[in-house]
Amino acid sequence: MQRRAMLKGCAAAIAVPMFATGCDVLDGSAKAVDELAFDPGAFTVETKTVATFERDKKVIYQFYESVVYVAKPVDKTHQSLSVSVPVEIDGASVDASKAPILFTNSVAGYLASAVTSREPDDGDRTRNSDLALAAGYVVVEPGVRGRDLVAPDGTYFGMAPGAIVDLKAAVRYLRHNSGRVPGDTDRIVATGVSAGGALSALLAVSADSRMYDRYLAELGAAEASDVVFAAAPYCPVTDLEHADMAYEWNWGANPLRSGELDAAASRELSTAFPDYQASLALHGRNGFGPLTAGNYGDYLVRTYLEPAATAYLTALSYADRSSYLATNPWITWSGDRAGFTWPGFLSHVGARQKGVPAFDAFDLSSPENNEFGAGTVKARHFTPFSLRRATGDPGAQLDTDLPEKISMMNPMFFLRQRNSGRAKHWRIRVGTKDTDTSLAIVGNLAASLENLGDEVDAAMYWDAGHGSNEDPEDFIAWIGKVTGYAG
């Protein structure tokens, strides 16, 4: 990457006429400056070569680094964002002032993330960002607090709901600076992977919820909307308070990669899933009818798994397809379509990633236990099942602050409320061999949105694992389609 120039402050407005400066002058003296005003001149000019499906593209872009997005940050390193604005693609000038904004977080495992540079390239995590830049879109990458941040006095300050509060504050910053920050703040597309995927979904469904107001006020967040236009979560690890039962329903018969499973706990959790699934009152796609624990496996096969296998096998040469089918005789290939059963698929996946419980570990060792810690307490139980099993107290209750925080971290809570401000355009992806959470968790997110009438493009990548991104060019095209942006 080549750094070509550095422009600072209001004087840089001469060099960037397409954007407002954010600095006004009256009678030769500067007006009072908005504490959260974006400075359009504080960028470096950088160059990147992006490999696209068509060809390599040379992109020259303005890069705004470490822009603090709240007036009273707890941690500037993590409560800041970067903005990348294409100005030239393959020698042709680009006006991105009204382009969609790809709002992409890099959260993994609910750990803190900071965006301080566009280098080095981080593979799949930056692939979508680079392609968006090459398509003429604005890319915003927010840093957020996470569960691993500890103050000198031993206090954890990035646990729930810190990450989602920060993402909301970053969106509010962008909307507050509409007309100053490049891009269309009414066409923000949120995306992330794993825990980041869960957070992007949560951001999109919890729009403008008053539950977060006091947290945002403490940070000095902009008084603006945190609505986003669309969301594209990848393998979202979410619905955490129900994830253990969903995991055992899905993967309970699969062996652990190493070590022994608590079979009794697995059975107990699995048998709790039907009541939860029934409580959602969801209906499947294409007239499938009510989604129950009894028919969910068949639904996943029909709706996601067989189409994924069919697409995968169709793309193979005749010889490679014949070899794959010979190795996997549990799959039938008839009329150019794959067919199989749910038990056959589970056997094919093989070993599961996580133990029992998968999320609320009895020994408080999971990332999610840490995410729901508080103060100087590193980890806490967040389900009655694990709390009571771990303590031996059948009447044990969760700490009083947890129910609200758990809801604030779960997209399903807001979907059951039918929040009208939620994003209405969705693209959801997960690998079929991803055992980091239950496929039913992802299926329920998609079905909930579909049942509310939202536009949902949900699909699975055959034989792919956690964090897979096998169609990034299609994702970029989807952004253009749903936002109506032609460039």
Protein backbone atom coordinates (compact mmCIF):
# COMPACT_ATOMS: atom_id res chain seq x y z
CA MET A 1 0.00 0.00 0.00
CA GLN A 2 1.31 3.45 -0.89
CA ARG A 3 0.69 6.52 1.29
CA ARG A 4 0.59 9.48 -1.08
CA ALA A 5 -0.56 12.55 0.85
CA MET A 6 -1.80 13.79 4.20
CA LEU A 7 -4.40 16.53 4.55
CA LYS A 8 -5.56 17.92 7.86
CA GLY A 9 -8.33 20.19 9.12
CA CYS A 10 -10.42 22.78 7.37
CA ALA A 11 -7.73 23.84 4.92
CA ALA A 12 -8.02 20.44 3.27
CA ALA A 13 -11.49 21.36 2.01
CA ILE A 14 -9.88 22.83 -1.11
CA ALA A 15 -8.59 19.38 -2.00
CA VAL A 16 -11.89 17.56 -1.39
CA PRO A 17 -14.66 19.74 -2.87
CA MET A 18 -17.20 16.94 -2.95
CA PHE A 19 -17.60 16.86 0.85
CA ALA A 20 -18.49 19.50 3.41
CA THR A 21 -15.64 20.56 5.67
CA GLY A 22 -17.47 20.53 8.99
CA CYS A 23 -15.82 23.92 9.74
CA ASP A 24 -17.70 27.19 9.31
CA VAL A 25 -16.21 30.66 9.39
CA LEU A 26 -18.12 33.78 10.36
CA ASP A 27 -16.56 37.27 10.35
CA GLY A 28 -13.10 35.73 10.08
CA SER A 29 -13.39 33.59 13.20
CA ALA A 30 -14.36 29.96 13.58
CA LYS A 31 -17.75 29.06 15.02
CA ALA A 32 -18.03 26.69 17.94
CA VAL A 33 -17.03 23.24 16.73
CA ASP A 34 -19.39 20.30 17.12
CA GLU A 35 -17.59 17.87 19.45
CA LEU A 36 -18.69 14.94 17.30
CA ALA A 37 -18.23 16.60 13.91
CA PHE A 38 -16.46 14.48 11.30
CA ASP A 39 -13.47 16.24 9.72
CA PRO A 40 -13.61 15.52 5.96
CA GLY A 41 -10.04 16.71 5.50
CA ALA A 42 -8.30 14.43 8.00
CA PHE A 43 -7.36 11.62 5.65
CA THR A 44 -4.43 9.97 3.99
CA VAL A 45 -4.53 8.97 0.34
CA GLU A 46 -3.73 5.33 -0.17
CA THR A 47 -3.56 2.83 -3.01
CA LYS A 48 -4.62 -0.79 -3.04
CA THR A 49 -4.85 -3.46 -5.72
CA VAL A 50 -7.98 -5.55 -5.28
CA ALA A 51 -8.39 -8.93 -6.96
CA THR A 52 -11.99 -9.10 -8.19
CA PHE A 53 -13.80 -11.83 -10.08
CA GLU A 54 -13.27 -9.89 -13.31
CA ARG A 55 -9.72 -8.62 -12.91
CA ASP A 56 -7.35 -6.83 -10.56
CA LYS A 57 -8.47 -3.28 -9.88
CA LYS A 58 -6.30 -0.41 -8.70
CA VAL A 59 -8.16 1.61 -6.10
CA ILE A 60 -7.07 5.00 -4.79
CA TYR A 61 -8.95 5.92 -1.65
CA GLN A 62 -9.09 8.39 1.21
CA PHE A 63 -8.45 6.71 4.54
CA TYR A 64 -9.69 8.26 7.79
CA GLU A 65 -8.00 6.51 10.69
CA SER A 66 -8.87 6.28 14.41
CA VAL A 67 -11.90 8.58 14.37
CA VAL A 68 -13.30 8.61 17.91
CA TYR A 69 -17.08 8.23 17.69
CA VAL A 70 -18.22 9.20 21.20
CA ALA A 71 -17.67 12.39 23.19
CA LYS A 72 -16.76 10.58 26.44
CA PRO A 73 -14.87 7.45 25.40
CA VAL A 74 -13.87 4.87 27.96
CA ASP A 75 -11.16 3.59 25.62
CA LYS A 76 -10.29 5.64 22.52
CA THR A 77 -8.35 2.77 20.98
CA HIS A 78 -11.45 0.64 20.73
CA GLN A 79 -14.14 3.33 20.52
CA SER A 80 -12.96 4.70 17.21
CA LEU A 81 -13.60 3.84 13.60
CA SER A 82 -11.94 4.06 10.21
CA VAL A 83 -13.51 5.25 6.97
CA SER A 84 -12.28 4.28 3.50
CA VAL A 85 -13.62 6.28 0.55
CA PRO A 86 -12.75 5.34 -3.05
CA VAL A 87 -11.88 8.31 -5.23
CA GLU A 88 -10.39 6.55 -8.25
CA ILE A 89 -10.82 3.02 -9.61
CA ASP A 90 -8.63 1.90 -12.52
CA GLY A 91 -7.93 5.51 -13.41
CA ALA A 92 -11.59 6.61 -13.41
CA SER A 93 -12.72 9.17 -10.86
CA VAL A 94 -15.34 8.03 -8.35
CA ASP A 95 -17.85 10.13 -6.43
CA ALA A 96 -18.76 8.06 -3.37
CA SER A 97 -20.67 10.84 -1.60
CA LYS A 98 -23.95 8.92 -1.99
CA ALA A 99 -22.59 5.39 -2.08
CA PRO A 100 -23.79 2.65 0.30
CA ILE A 101 -21.77 2.29 3.50
CA LEU A 102 -20.48 -1.17 4.36
CA PHE A 103 -20.32 -1.15 8.17
CA THR A 104 -18.15 -4.14 8.95
CA ASN A 105 -17.03 -5.15 12.44
CA SER A 106 -14.13 -7.52 13.12
CA VAL A 107 -15.33 -8.87 16.46
CA ALA A 108 -14.39 -12.49 17.18
CA GLY A 109 -15.34 -14.36 20.33
CA TYR A 110 -16.81 -11.18 21.84
CA LEU A 111 -13.24 -9.91 22.26
CA ALA A 112 -12.33 -6.26 21.81
CA SER A 113 -11.46 -5.11 18.31
CA ALA A 114 -9.57 -2.03 17.19
CA VAL A 115 -9.20 -0.65 13.69
CA THR A 116 -5.97 1.29 13.39
CA SER A 117 -4.80 0.38 9.90
CA ARG A 118 -5.88 -1.20 6.62
CA GLU A 119 -2.73 -3.33 6.74
CA PRO A 120 -1.97 -6.16 6.89
CA ASP A 121 -4.67 -7.91 4.88
CA ASP A 122 -6.56 -10.39 7.04
CA GLY A 123 -7.90 -12.78 4.41
CA ASP A 124 -11.64 -13.41 4.44
CA ARG A 125 -12.26 -10.77 7.11
CA THR A 126 -11.13 -7.99 4.76
CA ARG A 127 -12.18 -9.60 1.48
CA ASN A 128 -15.66 -8.09 1.56
CA SER A 129 -14.27 -4.68 2.55
CA ASP A 130 -11.77 -4.64 -0.31
CA LEU A 131 -14.36 -5.71 -2.86
CA ALA A 132 -16.77 -3.08 -1.58
CA LEU A 133 -14.09 -0.44 -2.01
CA ALA A 134 -13.43 -1.66 -5.56
CA ALA A 135 -17.17 -1.42 -6.27
CA GLY A 136 -17.20 2.23 -5.25
CA TYR A 137 -18.75 1.81 -1.81
CA VAL A 138 -17.66 3.51 1.39
CA VAL A 139 -16.27 1.14 4.02
CA VAL A 140 -16.56 1.93 7.73
CA GLU A 141 -14.79 -0.35 10.22
CA PRO A 142 -15.66 0.32 13.87
CA GLY A 143 -13.60 -0.79 16.81
CA VAL A 144 -15.54 -1.92 19.89
CA ARG A 145 -14.89 -2.89 23.47
CA GLY A 146 -14.81 -6.56 24.39
CA ARG A 147 -14.82 -8.97 27.28
CA ASP A 148 -11.02 -9.04 27.55
CA LEU A 149 -10.54 -5.39 28.51
CA VAL A 150 -9.49 -4.88 32.13
CA ALA A 151 -8.84 -1.59 33.93
CA PRO A 152 -5.85 -1.22 36.30
CA ASP A 153 -8.15 -1.78 39.29
CA GLY A 154 -9.19 -5.17 37.91
CA THR A 155 -12.58 -4.03 36.58
CA TYR A 156 -13.71 -5.51 33.28
CA PHE A 157 -15.14 -2.70 31.14
CA GLY A 158 -16.01 -4.34 27.84
CA MET A 159 -18.49 -7.02 28.87
CA ALA A 160 -22.16 -7.14 27.83
CA PRO A 161 -23.64 -4.93 26.58
CA GLY A 162 -20.44 -3.00 25.73
CA ALA A 163 -19.92 -4.26 22.18
CA ILE A 164 -23.44 -3.59 20.92
CA VAL A 165 -23.55 -0.20 22.66
CA ASP A 166 -20.35 0.77 20.85
CA LEU A 167 -21.67 -0.36 17.47
CA LYS A 168 -24.82 1.67 18.03
CA ALA A 169 -22.75 4.69 19.02
CA ALA A 170 -20.67 4.34 15.85
CA VAL A 171 -23.81 4.25 13.67
CA ARG A 172 -25.19 7.27 15.51
CA TYR A 173 -21.93 9.08 14.83
CA LEU A 174 -22.29 8.42 11.10
CA ARG A 175 -25.89 9.59 11.04
CA HIS A 176 -25.02 12.65 13.11
CA ASN A 177 -22.47 13.50 10.41
CA SER A 178 -24.72 12.90 7.43
CA GLY A 179 -23.51 15.25 4.70
CA ARG A 180 -20.04 15.47 6.24
CA VAL A 181 -19.04 11.83 6.32
CA PRO A 182 -18.86 10.34 2.80
CA GLY A 183 -21.54 7.87 1.81
CA ASP A 184 -25.28 7.52 2.23
CA THR A 185 -26.04 7.18 5.95
CA ASP A 186 -29.53 5.95 5.03
CA ARG A 187 -27.94 2.97 3.26
CA ILE A 188 -25.74 1.42 5.95
CA VAL A 189 -25.18 -2.34 5.56
CA ALA A 190 -23.96 -4.04 8.75
CA THR A 191 -21.89 -7.21 8.58
CA GLY A 192 -19.65 -9.38 10.75
CA VAL A 193 -18.54 -12.97 11.34
CA SER A 194 -19.31 -15.33 14.25
CA ALA A 195 -19.79 -13.14 17.35
CA GLY A 196 -19.41 -10.23 14.95
CA GLY A 197 -22.20 -11.75 12.88
CA ALA A 198 -24.37 -11.99 15.97
CA LEU A 199 -23.64 -8.34 16.76
CA SER A 200 -24.44 -7.20 13.23
CA ALA A 201 -27.79 -9.01 13.44
CA LEU A 202 -28.45 -7.54 16.87
CA LEU A 203 -27.59 -4.04 15.67
CA ALA A 204 -30.01 -4.43 12.78
CA VAL A 205 -33.00 -5.69 14.78
CA SER A 206 -32.63 -3.54 17.91
CA ALA A 207 -32.69 -0.22 16.07
CA ASP A 208 -33.38 2.79 18.31
CA SER A 209 -34.35 0.61 21.28
CA ARG A 210 -34.57 2.69 24.45
CA MET A 211 -32.99 -0.16 26.43
CA TYR A 212 -29.54 1.13 25.50
CA ASP A 213 -30.14 4.83 26.13
CA ARG A 214 -28.40 5.12 29.48
CA TYR A 215 -25.31 3.33 28.22
CA LEU A 216 -25.12 5.55 25.15
CA ALA A 217 -25.63 8.68 27.24
CA GLU A 218 -22.74 7.70 29.52
CA LEU A 219 -20.45 7.61 26.50
CA GLY A 220 -21.66 10.88 25.05
CA ALA A 221 -22.99 9.16 21.93
CA ALA A 222 -24.56 11.35 19.27
CA GLU A 223 -28.28 11.99 19.61
CA ALA A 224 -29.16 10.34 16.33
CA SER A 225 -30.76 7.15 15.05
CA ASP A 226 -28.87 3.84 15.03
CA VAL A 227 -31.06 2.30 12.32
CA VAL A 228 -29.21 0.38 9.61
CA PHE A 229 -30.66 -0.38 6.20
CA ALA A 230 -29.52 -3.98 5.77
CA ALA A 231 -27.55 -6.71 7.51
CA ALA A 232 -25.36 -9.58 6.38
CA PRO A 233 -24.37 -11.77 9.34
CA TYR A 234 -22.02 -14.68 8.70
CA CYS A 235 -22.37 -17.72 11.00
CA PRO A 236 -23.93 -15.64 13.81
CA VAL A 237 -23.28 -17.18 17.23
CA THR A 238 -26.33 -15.80 18.96
CA ASP A 239 -29.48 -16.52 21.04
CA LEU A 240 -27.00 -17.45 23.75
CA GLU A 241 -29.46 -18.27 26.54
CA HIS A 242 -31.03 -20.95 24.31
CA ALA A 243 -27.92 -21.97 22.40
CA ASP A 244 -26.98 -24.88 24.69
CA MET A 245 -30.28 -26.68 24.19
CA ALA A 246 -30.26 -25.98 20.45
CA TYR A 247 -26.69 -27.26 20.21
CA GLU A 248 -27.51 -30.57 21.87
CA TRP A 249 -30.64 -30.98 19.74
CA ASN A 250 -28.48 -30.51 16.63
CA TRP A 251 -25.11 -32.03 17.48
CA GLY A 252 -25.87 -34.14 20.57
CA ALA A 253 -25.28 -37.43 18.76
CA ASN A 254 -21.95 -36.30 17.32
CA PRO A 255 -18.73 -37.15 19.16
CA LEU A 256 -16.47 -34.50 20.63
CA ARG A 257 -13.18 -33.99 18.77
CA SER A 258 -11.29 -34.82 21.92
CA GLY A 259 -12.42 -35.83 25.39
CA GLU A 260 -15.67 -37.16 26.81
CA LEU A 261 -19.17 -35.68 26.68
CA ASP A 262 -21.58 -35.38 29.60
CA ALA A 263 -24.30 -37.55 28.06
CA ALA A 264 -26.84 -36.89 30.80
CA ALA A 265 -26.50 -33.11 30.50
CA SER A 266 -26.70 -33.40 26.72
CA ARG A 267 -29.97 -35.34 26.92
CA GLU A 268 -31.46 -32.90 29.43
CA LEU A 269 -30.60 -29.90 27.30
CA SER A 270 -31.82 -31.55 24.11
CA THR A 271 -35.18 -32.41 25.65
CA ALA A 272 -35.62 -28.76 26.67
CA PHE A 273 -35.30 -27.56 23.07
CA PRO A 274 -38.80 -28.62 21.81
CA ASP A 275 -40.59 -26.31 24.24
CA TYR A 276 -38.39 -23.38 23.30
CA GLN A 277 -38.82 -24.02 19.58
CA ALA A 278 -42.60 -24.28 19.99
CA SER A 279 -42.64 -20.98 21.89
CA LEU A 280 -41.25 -19.17 18.84
CA ALA A 281 -44.31 -20.16 16.75
CA LEU A 282 -42.30 -19.95 13.53
CA HIS A 283 -43.36 -21.20 10.14
CA GLY A 284 -40.96 -22.56 7.53
CA ARG A 285 -40.30 -21.25 4.08
CA ASN A 286 -42.35 -22.25 1.01
CA GLY A 287 -45.41 -23.42 2.93
CA PHE A 288 -43.50 -25.83 5.15
CA GLY A 289 -45.76 -25.09 8.11
CA PRO A 290 -44.89 -24.79 11.81
CA LEU A 291 -41.24 -25.39 12.68
CA THR A 292 -40.93 -27.88 15.53
CA ALA A 293 -38.06 -29.79 17.06
CA GLY A 294 -39.55 -32.88 15.46
CA ASN A 295 -39.46 -31.61 11.89
CA TYR A 296 -36.63 -29.10 12.02
CA GLY A 297 -34.03 -31.53 10.72
CA ASP A 298 -36.14 -32.26 7.67
CA TYR A 299 -36.70 -28.54 7.19
CA LEU A 300 -32.99 -27.79 7.25
CA VAL A 301 -32.34 -30.59 4.77
CA ARG A 302 -35.03 -29.46 2.34
CA THR A 303 -34.49 -25.70 2.64
CA TYR A 304 -30.74 -25.32 3.05
CA LEU A 305 -28.69 -28.51 3.02
CA GLU A 306 -29.86 -30.27 -0.15
CA PRO A 307 -29.71 -27.02 -2.18
CA ALA A 308 -26.18 -26.40 -0.84
CA ALA A 309 -25.05 -29.93 -1.73
CA THR A 310 -26.70 -29.67 -5.15
CA ALA A 311 -24.92 -26.40 -5.95
CA TYR A 312 -21.61 -27.83 -4.80
CA LEU A 313 -21.93 -31.05 -6.79
CA THR A 314 -23.21 -29.28 -9.90
CA ALA A 315 -20.11 -27.10 -9.96
CA LEU A 316 -17.81 -30.17 -9.99
CA SER A 317 -16.62 -31.90 -13.11
CA TYR A 318 -18.33 -35.21 -13.93
CA ALA A 319 -15.30 -37.15 -12.70
CA ASP A 320 -14.98 -35.19 -9.45
CA ARG A 321 -18.71 -35.44 -8.78
CA SER A 322 -18.68 -39.18 -9.36
CA SER A 323 -15.73 -39.53 -6.99
CA TYR A 324 -17.43 -37.44 -4.28
CA LEU A 325 -20.65 -39.44 -4.54
CA ALA A 326 -18.73 -42.71 -4.41
CA THR A 327 -17.06 -41.54 -1.21
CA ASN A 328 -20.41 -40.36 0.19
CA PRO A 329 -22.95 -43.06 -0.75
CA TRP A 330 -25.43 -41.62 1.78
CA ILE A 331 -26.14 -38.91 -0.85
CA THR A 332 -28.35 -39.81 -3.80
CA TRP A 333 -27.94 -37.92 -7.09
CA SER A 334 -31.06 -38.00 -9.20
CA GLY A 335 -32.23 -35.52 -11.80
CA ASP A 336 -29.18 -33.36 -11.07
CA ARG A 337 -30.27 -32.95 -7.47
CA ALA A 338 -28.76 -34.17 -4.21
CA GLY A 339 -30.91 -36.03 -1.70
CA PHE A 340 -30.23 -37.35 1.80
CA THR A 341 -31.59 -37.62 5.33
CA TRP A 342 -30.91 -35.54 8.43
CA PRO A 343 -29.22 -38.46 10.26
CA GLY A 344 -27.06 -39.09 7.22
CA PHE A 345 -25.98 -35.46 7.19
CA LEU A 346 -25.12 -35.48 10.91
CA SER A 347 -22.98 -38.56 10.47
CA HIS A 348 -21.20 -36.88 7.55
CA VAL A 349 -20.31 -33.81 9.64
CA GLY A 350 -18.64 -35.99 12.24
CA ALA A 351 -17.08 -34.55 15.38
CA ARG A 352 -18.57 -31.52 17.07
CA GLN A 353 -16.57 -28.45 18.06
CA LYS A 354 -17.86 -27.87 21.58
CA GLY A 355 -18.52 -29.82 24.76
CA VAL A 356 -21.54 -29.88 27.09
CA PRO A 357 -22.78 -27.27 27.73
CA ALA A 358 -21.43 -25.59 24.62
CA PHE A 359 -21.89 -22.01 25.85
CA ASP A 360 -22.72 -21.73 29.55
CA ALA A 361 -19.94 -24.04 30.72
CA PHE A 362 -20.29 -25.57 34.18
CA ASP A 363 -16.75 -24.41 35.03
CA LEU A 364 -17.31 -20.87 33.67
CA SER A 365 -14.61 -21.41 31.06
CA SER A 366 -16.46 -20.35 27.90
CA PRO A 367 -16.10 -16.99 26.14
CA GLU A 368 -19.80 -16.41 26.76
CA ASN A 369 -19.39 -16.89 30.52
CA ASN A 370 -16.75 -14.17 30.34
CA GLU A 371 -19.01 -11.97 28.18
CA PHE A 372 -21.61 -11.94 30.95
CA GLY A 373 -19.17 -11.19 33.75
CA ALA A 374 -19.41 -7.86 35.58
CA GLY A 375 -17.17 -5.56 37.55
CA THR A 376 -14.23 -7.56 38.85
CA VAL A 377 -16.06 -10.87 38.32
CA LYS A 378 -14.55 -12.42 35.21
CA ALA A 379 -17.32 -14.89 34.36
CA ARG A 380 -20.87 -15.75 35.36
CA HIS A 381 -23.54 -18.27 34.48
CA PHE A 382 -26.29 -16.91 32.29
CA THR A 383 -28.70 -19.87 32.19
CA PRO A 384 -30.52 -21.37 35.19
CA PHE A 385 -29.63 -24.85 33.94
CA SER A 386 -25.86 -24.38 34.22
CA LEU A 387 -26.06 -22.24 37.34
CA ARG A 388 -28.07 -24.87 39.21
CA ARG A 389 -25.99 -27.80 38.00
CA ALA A 390 -22.74 -26.04 38.85
CA THR A 391 -23.80 -24.89 42.32
CA GLY A 392 -25.92 -27.90 43.26
CA ASP A 393 -28.69 -25.49 44.26
CA PRO A 394 -31.94 -26.31 42.38
CA GLY A 395 -33.40 -22.94 43.36
CA ALA A 396 -30.44 -20.76 42.34
CA GLN A 397 -31.34 -17.60 40.42
CA LEU A 398 -29.32 -15.53 37.98
CA ASP A 399 -27.90 -12.24 39.22
CA THR A 400 -30.55 -9.54 38.99
CA ASP A 401 -28.75 -7.49 36.33
CA LEU A 402 -28.42 -10.42 33.93
CA PRO A 403 -31.93 -10.85 32.45
CA GLU A 404 -31.88 -7.39 30.88
CA LYS A 405 -28.30 -7.74 29.64
CA ILE A 406 -29.06 -11.15 28.16
CA SER A 407 -32.01 -9.68 26.27
CA MET A 408 -29.90 -6.76 25.10
CA MET A 409 -27.48 -9.23 23.49
CA ASN A 410 -30.08 -11.36 21.70
CA PRO A 411 -31.62 -10.50 18.29
CA MET A 412 -34.47 -12.94 18.95
CA PHE A 413 -35.67 -10.77 21.85
CA PHE A 414 -36.24 -7.83 19.51
CA LEU A 415 -37.68 -9.97 16.73
CA ARG A 416 -40.31 -11.31 19.12
CA GLN A 417 -41.11 -7.68 19.92
CA ARG A 418 -41.53 -7.02 16.18
CA ASN A 419 -39.36 -3.91 16.39
CA SER A 420 -40.52 -1.82 13.43
CA GLY A 421 -37.19 0.00 13.08
CA ARG A 422 -35.27 -3.17 12.22
CA ALA A 423 -33.45 -3.62 8.94
CA LYS A 424 -35.72 -5.15 6.29
CA HIS A 425 -33.02 -6.57 3.99
CA TRP A 426 -30.94 -9.57 5.05
CA ARG A 427 -28.24 -11.87 3.73
CA ILE A 428 -27.28 -14.75 6.04
CA ARG A 429 -24.56 -17.33 5.39
CA VAL A 430 -23.15 -20.31 7.33
CA GLY A 431 -21.14 -23.42 6.49
CA THR A 432 -22.84 -26.82 6.75
CA LYS A 433 -19.91 -28.20 8.81
CA ASP A 434 -19.91 -25.26 11.19
CA THR A 435 -20.44 -26.76 14.64
CA ASP A 436 -19.68 -23.57 16.56
CA THR A 437 -23.44 -23.25 17.12
CA SER A 438 -26.61 -25.06 16.11
CA LEU A 439 -27.83 -24.72 12.55
CA ALA A 440 -31.25 -24.19 14.13
CA ILE A 441 -30.01 -20.94 15.69
CA VAL A 442 -29.24 -19.61 12.23
CA GLY A 443 -32.45 -21.10 10.83
CA ASN A 444 -34.56 -19.47 13.53
CA LEU A 445 -33.03 -16.07 12.85
CA ALA A 446 -33.85 -16.39 9.15
CA ALA A 447 -37.35 -17.78 9.77
CA SER A 448 -38.17 -15.03 12.28
CA LEU A 449 -37.27 -12.37 9.73
CA GLU A 450 -39.15 -14.13 6.94
CA ASN A 451 -42.23 -14.51 9.12
CA LEU A 452 -42.17 -10.74 9.69
CA GLY A 453 -42.16 -10.17 5.93
CA ASP A 454 -38.54 -9.06 5.56
CA GLU A 455 -36.46 -9.75 2.48
CA VAL A 456 -34.13 -12.62 3.42
CA ASP A 457 -31.43 -14.26 1.33
CA ALA A 458 -30.25 -17.11 3.57
CA ALA A 459 -28.08 -19.98 2.36
CA MET A 460 -25.42 -22.46 3.46
CA TYR A 461 -22.00 -23.33 2.06
CA TRP A 462 -21.64 -27.08 1.57
CA ASP A 463 -18.90 -28.78 3.59
CA ALA A 464 -17.65 -25.38 4.78
CA GLY A 465 -16.60 -24.65 8.33
CA HIS A 466 -16.88 -21.70 10.68
CA GLY A 467 -16.36 -18.24 9.22
CA SER A 468 -16.59 -19.31 5.58
CA ASN A 469 -17.22 -16.74 2.87
CA GLU A 470 -17.48 -18.45 -0.49
CA ASP A 471 -19.38 -15.87 -2.55
CA PRO A 472 -18.00 -12.41 -1.70
CA GLU A 473 -18.62 -11.01 -5.19
CA ASP A 474 -22.29 -11.99 -4.88
CA PHE A 475 -22.43 -10.18 -1.54
CA ILE A 476 -21.15 -6.96 -3.13
CA ALA A 477 -23.69 -7.29 -5.93
CA TRP A 478 -26.42 -7.86 -3.33
CA ILE A 479 -25.54 -4.58 -1.62
CA GLY A 480 -25.96 -2.73 -4.91
CA LYS A 481 -29.27 -4.47 -5.56
CA VAL A 482 -30.94 -3.89 -2.19
CA THR A 483 -29.70 -0.31 -1.86
CA GLY A 484 -30.55 0.56 -5.44
CA TYR A 485 -27.09 1.99 -6.02
CA ALA A 486 -25.83 1.92 -9.58
CA GLY A 487 -22.59 3.82 -9.01
